[in-house]
């Protein structure tokens, strides 16, 4: 039962990491493409509805991370799990040492 709980927590952390990275990437994209002349926490106005929804998604994720901290903490847990899993994968795939 504990292994299932850890697996569920790891999945939640990975999803939070994905959501936070996607939110940051969407804000960077609309900023670099310069399709949203007004982009702040109060108002978002963009050249098309697609870019506006993309910017709104990014703003919601970033503001939820800043004000509550929960997505950020879970994303940090996702980074820790990812590093640990990659190190374990590297150890398993490394050839045995010759003496």
N, C-alpha and C. Protein backbone atom coordinates (compact mmCIF):
# COMPACT_ATOMS: atom_id res chain seq x y z
N UNK A 1 0.82 -1.19 0.00
CA UNK A 1 0.00 0.00 0.00
C UNK A 1 0.87 1.26 0.00
N UNK A 2 1.99 1.21 0.71
CA UNK A 2 2.89 2.37 0.77
C UNK A 2 3.52 2.62 -0.59
N UNK A 3 3.83 1.54 -1.31
CA UNK A 3 4.43 1.70 -2.64
C UNK A 3 3.43 2.35 -3.59
N UNK A 4 2.17 1.99 -3.48
CA UNK A 4 1.14 2.59 -4.32
C UNK A 4 1.00 4.08 -4.01
N UNK A 5 1.04 4.43 -2.72
CA UNK A 5 0.95 5.82 -2.33
C UNK A 5 2.13 6.63 -2.85
N UNK A 6 3.34 6.06 -2.79
CA UNK A 6 4.52 6.74 -3.30
C UNK A 6 4.43 6.89 -4.82
N UNK A 7 3.92 5.88 -5.49
CA UNK A 7 3.77 5.94 -6.94
C UNK A 7 2.77 7.02 -7.35
N UNK A 8 1.67 7.13 -6.62
CA UNK A 8 0.67 8.16 -6.90
C UNK A 8 1.25 9.55 -6.64
N UNK A 9 2.00 9.69 -5.53
CA UNK A 9 2.62 10.97 -5.22
C UNK A 9 3.66 11.35 -6.28
N UNK A 10 4.42 10.37 -6.75
CA UNK A 10 5.41 10.63 -7.80
C UNK A 10 4.72 11.07 -9.08
N UNK A 11 3.60 10.45 -9.43
CA UNK A 11 2.85 10.83 -10.62
C UNK A 11 2.30 12.25 -10.49
N UNK A 12 1.80 12.61 -9.31
CA UNK A 12 1.29 13.96 -9.08
C UNK A 12 2.41 14.98 -9.20
N UNK A 13 3.59 14.64 -8.67
CA UNK A 13 4.73 15.55 -8.76
C UNK A 13 5.18 15.73 -10.21
N UNK A 14 5.20 14.65 -10.97
CA UNK A 14 5.58 14.74 -12.39
C UNK A 14 4.57 15.60 -13.16
N UNK A 15 3.29 15.42 -12.87
CA UNK A 15 2.27 16.23 -13.55
C UNK A 15 2.37 17.70 -13.17
N UNK A 16 2.67 17.98 -11.91
CA UNK A 16 2.85 19.37 -11.48
C UNK A 16 4.07 19.99 -12.16
N UNK A 17 5.15 19.22 -12.28
CA UNK A 17 6.33 19.71 -12.98
C UNK A 17 6.01 20.02 -14.43
N UNK A 18 5.27 19.14 -15.06
CA UNK A 18 4.86 19.36 -16.45
C UNK A 18 3.98 20.60 -16.58
N UNK A 19 3.05 20.78 -15.67
CA UNK A 19 2.14 21.93 -15.73
C UNK A 19 2.89 23.24 -15.51
N UNK A 20 3.80 23.27 -14.54
CA UNK A 20 4.55 24.50 -14.27
C UNK A 20 5.46 24.83 -15.45
N UNK A 21 6.14 23.83 -16.00
CA UNK A 21 6.99 24.08 -17.16
C UNK A 21 6.18 24.53 -18.37
N UNK A 22 5.00 23.93 -18.57
CA UNK A 22 4.15 24.33 -19.69
C UNK A 22 3.64 25.76 -19.50
N UNK A 23 3.29 26.13 -18.28
CA UNK A 23 2.83 27.50 -18.01
C UNK A 23 3.92 28.53 -18.27
N UNK A 24 5.13 28.22 -17.80
CA UNK A 24 6.24 29.14 -18.04
C UNK A 24 6.57 29.22 -19.52
N UNK A 25 6.55 28.07 -20.19
CA UNK A 25 6.86 28.05 -21.63
C UNK A 25 5.81 28.83 -22.42
N UNK A 26 4.54 28.73 -22.04
CA UNK A 26 3.50 29.46 -22.78
C UNK A 26 3.66 30.96 -22.59
N UNK A 27 4.01 31.40 -21.38
CA UNK A 27 4.24 32.83 -21.17
C UNK A 27 5.47 33.32 -21.92
N UNK A 28 6.53 32.53 -21.94
CA UNK A 28 7.71 32.91 -22.70
C UNK A 28 7.41 32.98 -24.19
N UNK A 29 6.60 32.05 -24.67
CA UNK A 29 6.25 32.02 -26.10
C UNK A 29 5.49 33.27 -26.51
N UNK A 30 4.44 33.62 -25.76
CA UNK A 30 3.66 34.80 -26.14
C UNK A 30 4.44 36.08 -25.93
N UNK A 31 5.37 36.08 -24.99
CA UNK A 31 6.21 37.27 -24.78
C UNK A 31 7.20 37.44 -25.92
N UNK A 32 7.84 36.36 -26.34
CA UNK A 32 8.84 36.45 -27.41
C UNK A 32 8.21 36.69 -28.78
N UNK A 33 7.02 36.16 -28.99
CA UNK A 33 6.33 36.37 -30.27
C UNK A 33 5.69 37.76 -30.33
N UNK A 34 5.61 38.43 -29.20
CA UNK A 34 5.05 39.78 -29.10
C UNK A 34 3.62 39.85 -29.65
N UNK A 35 2.80 38.85 -29.28
CA UNK A 35 1.41 38.82 -29.73
C UNK A 35 0.45 39.33 -28.67
N UNK A 36 0.98 39.59 -27.47
CA UNK A 36 0.14 40.12 -26.40
C UNK A 36 0.72 41.46 -25.94
N UNK A 37 0.17 42.57 -26.44
CA UNK A 37 0.70 43.87 -26.04
C UNK A 37 0.48 44.15 -24.55
N UNK A 38 -0.59 43.63 -23.99
CA UNK A 38 -0.86 43.84 -22.56
C UNK A 38 -0.92 42.48 -21.89
N UNK A 39 0.05 42.25 -21.00
CA UNK A 39 0.14 40.95 -20.33
C UNK A 39 0.57 41.19 -18.89
N UNK A 40 -0.41 41.23 -17.99
CA UNK A 40 -0.11 41.33 -16.57
C UNK A 40 -1.21 40.59 -15.82
N UNK A 41 -1.13 40.60 -14.49
CA UNK A 41 -2.08 39.81 -13.72
C UNK A 41 -3.50 40.35 -13.76
N UNK A 42 -3.67 41.60 -14.15
CA UNK A 42 -5.00 42.19 -14.18
C UNK A 42 -5.71 42.01 -15.50
N UNK A 43 -4.97 42.09 -16.58
CA UNK A 43 -5.60 42.07 -17.90
C UNK A 43 -4.67 41.41 -18.90
N UNK A 44 -5.25 40.60 -19.76
CA UNK A 44 -4.49 39.98 -20.84
C UNK A 44 -5.24 40.29 -22.13
N UNK A 45 -4.58 40.97 -23.05
CA UNK A 45 -5.19 41.21 -24.36
C UNK A 45 -4.16 40.83 -25.41
N UNK A 46 -4.60 39.97 -26.31
CA UNK A 46 -3.71 39.44 -27.35
C UNK A 46 -4.34 39.64 -28.72
N UNK A 47 -3.56 39.31 -29.76
CA UNK A 47 -4.03 39.52 -31.12
C UNK A 47 -5.06 38.48 -31.56
N UNK A 48 -5.08 37.31 -30.94
CA UNK A 48 -6.07 36.30 -31.32
C UNK A 48 -6.54 35.56 -30.06
N UNK A 49 -7.69 34.92 -30.13
CA UNK A 49 -8.19 34.18 -28.97
C UNK A 49 -7.28 33.02 -28.57
N UNK A 50 -6.60 32.40 -29.54
CA UNK A 50 -5.69 31.30 -29.21
C UNK A 50 -4.55 31.79 -28.32
N UNK A 51 -3.92 32.89 -28.70
CA UNK A 51 -2.82 33.41 -27.91
C UNK A 51 -3.30 33.91 -26.55
N UNK A 52 -4.50 34.43 -26.51
CA UNK A 52 -5.06 34.90 -25.25
C UNK A 52 -5.30 33.74 -24.29
N UNK A 53 -5.82 32.63 -24.80
CA UNK A 53 -6.02 31.46 -23.93
C UNK A 53 -4.69 30.85 -23.50
N UNK A 54 -3.71 30.88 -24.39
CA UNK A 54 -2.37 30.39 -24.04
C UNK A 54 -1.75 31.25 -22.95
N UNK A 55 -1.87 32.55 -23.08
CA UNK A 55 -1.35 33.45 -22.06
C UNK A 55 -2.13 33.33 -20.74
N UNK A 56 -3.43 33.12 -20.83
CA UNK A 56 -4.24 32.95 -19.61
C UNK A 56 -3.84 31.69 -18.86
N UNK A 57 -3.60 30.59 -19.60
CA UNK A 57 -3.15 29.36 -18.96
C UNK A 57 -1.82 29.57 -18.24
N UNK A 58 -0.88 30.19 -18.93
CA UNK A 58 0.41 30.45 -18.30
C UNK A 58 0.30 31.34 -17.09
N UNK A 59 -0.54 32.36 -17.17
CA UNK A 59 -0.70 33.29 -16.05
C UNK A 59 -1.35 32.59 -14.86
N UNK A 60 -2.33 31.73 -15.10
CA UNK A 60 -2.98 31.01 -14.01
C UNK A 60 -1.97 30.10 -13.30
N UNK A 61 -1.17 29.38 -14.07
CA UNK A 61 -0.20 28.47 -13.47
C UNK A 61 0.85 29.25 -12.67
N UNK A 62 1.37 30.30 -13.25
CA UNK A 62 2.42 31.07 -12.57
C UNK A 62 1.86 31.76 -11.32
N UNK A 63 0.68 32.35 -11.41
CA UNK A 63 0.11 33.02 -10.24
C UNK A 63 -0.26 32.02 -9.14
N UNK A 64 -0.77 30.85 -9.52
CA UNK A 64 -1.07 29.82 -8.51
C UNK A 64 0.21 29.35 -7.84
N UNK A 65 1.29 29.26 -8.61
CA UNK A 65 2.57 28.85 -8.02
C UNK A 65 3.10 29.93 -7.09
N UNK A 66 2.99 31.18 -7.49
CA UNK A 66 3.51 32.27 -6.66
C UNK A 66 2.69 32.46 -5.39
N UNK A 67 1.37 32.47 -5.51
CA UNK A 67 0.55 32.80 -4.36
C UNK A 67 0.29 31.63 -3.42
N UNK A 68 0.17 30.41 -3.93
CA UNK A 68 -0.08 29.28 -3.04
C UNK A 68 1.18 28.47 -2.78
N UNK A 69 2.06 28.40 -3.75
CA UNK A 69 3.29 27.63 -3.59
C UNK A 69 3.13 26.15 -3.81
N UNK A 70 1.91 25.64 -3.83
CA UNK A 70 1.69 24.20 -3.96
C UNK A 70 2.18 23.63 -5.29
N UNK A 71 1.83 24.23 -6.43
CA UNK A 71 2.36 23.67 -7.67
C UNK A 71 3.88 23.72 -7.72
N UNK A 72 4.47 24.75 -7.17
CA UNK A 72 5.93 24.86 -7.16
C UNK A 72 6.58 23.80 -6.29
N UNK A 73 5.99 23.54 -5.12
CA UNK A 73 6.54 22.50 -4.25
C UNK A 73 6.40 21.12 -4.87
N UNK A 74 5.25 20.86 -5.47
CA UNK A 74 5.07 19.57 -6.13
C UNK A 74 6.00 19.44 -7.33
N UNK A 75 6.21 20.54 -8.06
CA UNK A 75 7.14 20.51 -9.19
C UNK A 75 8.57 20.27 -8.71
N UNK A 76 8.93 20.84 -7.57
CA UNK A 76 10.25 20.59 -7.00
C UNK A 76 10.39 19.11 -6.63
N UNK A 77 9.34 18.54 -6.09
CA UNK A 77 9.34 17.10 -5.82
C UNK A 77 9.49 16.30 -7.11
N UNK A 78 8.87 16.77 -8.19
CA UNK A 78 9.01 16.11 -9.49
C UNK A 78 10.44 16.16 -9.99
N UNK A 79 11.13 17.29 -9.75
CA UNK A 79 12.54 17.40 -10.15
C UNK A 79 13.38 16.40 -9.36
N UNK A 80 13.12 16.30 -8.06
CA UNK A 80 13.87 15.36 -7.22
C UNK A 80 13.63 13.93 -7.68
N UNK A 81 12.38 13.56 -7.92
CA UNK A 81 12.08 12.21 -8.40
C UNK A 81 12.71 11.95 -9.77
N UNK A 82 12.69 12.96 -10.64
CA UNK A 82 13.27 12.79 -11.97
C UNK A 82 14.77 12.54 -11.89
N UNK A 83 15.46 13.32 -11.07
CA UNK A 83 16.91 13.13 -10.92
C UNK A 83 17.20 11.75 -10.33
N UNK A 84 16.44 11.37 -9.32
CA UNK A 84 16.65 10.06 -8.70
C UNK A 84 16.39 8.92 -9.69
N UNK A 85 15.31 9.05 -10.46
CA UNK A 85 15.00 8.00 -11.43
C UNK A 85 16.04 7.93 -12.54
N UNK A 86 16.54 9.08 -12.99
CA UNK A 86 17.57 9.08 -14.02
C UNK A 86 18.88 8.49 -13.50
N UNK A 87 19.24 8.77 -12.26
CA UNK A 87 20.44 8.18 -11.68
C UNK A 87 20.30 6.67 -11.52
N UNK A 88 19.12 6.20 -11.10
CA UNK A 88 18.89 4.77 -10.99
C UNK A 88 18.94 4.09 -12.35
N UNK A 89 18.39 4.74 -13.36
CA UNK A 89 18.41 4.19 -14.71
C UNK A 89 19.84 4.10 -15.24
N UNK A 90 20.63 5.12 -14.93
CA UNK A 90 22.03 5.12 -15.36
C UNK A 90 22.83 4.02 -14.68
N UNK A 91 22.57 3.81 -13.39
CA UNK A 91 23.26 2.74 -12.66
C UNK A 91 22.89 1.37 -13.20
N UNK A 92 21.62 1.18 -13.53
CA UNK A 92 21.18 -0.12 -14.03
C UNK A 92 21.72 -0.41 -15.42
N UNK A 93 21.85 0.63 -16.25
CA UNK A 93 22.30 0.39 -17.63
C UNK A 93 23.82 0.42 -17.78
N UNK A 94 24.53 0.81 -16.72
CA UNK A 94 26.00 0.85 -16.80
C UNK A 94 26.55 -0.59 -16.80
N UNK A 95 27.59 -0.84 -17.60
CA UNK A 95 28.19 -2.17 -17.60
C UNK A 95 28.88 -2.45 -16.27
N UNK A 96 28.94 -3.72 -15.86
CA UNK A 96 29.61 -4.03 -14.59
C UNK A 96 31.09 -3.73 -14.66
N UNK A 97 31.66 -3.35 -13.53
CA UNK A 97 33.07 -2.99 -13.48
C UNK A 97 33.93 -4.23 -13.56
N UNK A 98 35.01 -4.13 -14.30
CA UNK A 98 35.99 -5.22 -14.42
C UNK A 98 37.11 -4.95 -13.44
N UNK A 99 37.53 -5.97 -12.68
CA UNK A 99 38.63 -5.80 -11.72
C UNK A 99 39.88 -6.38 -12.28
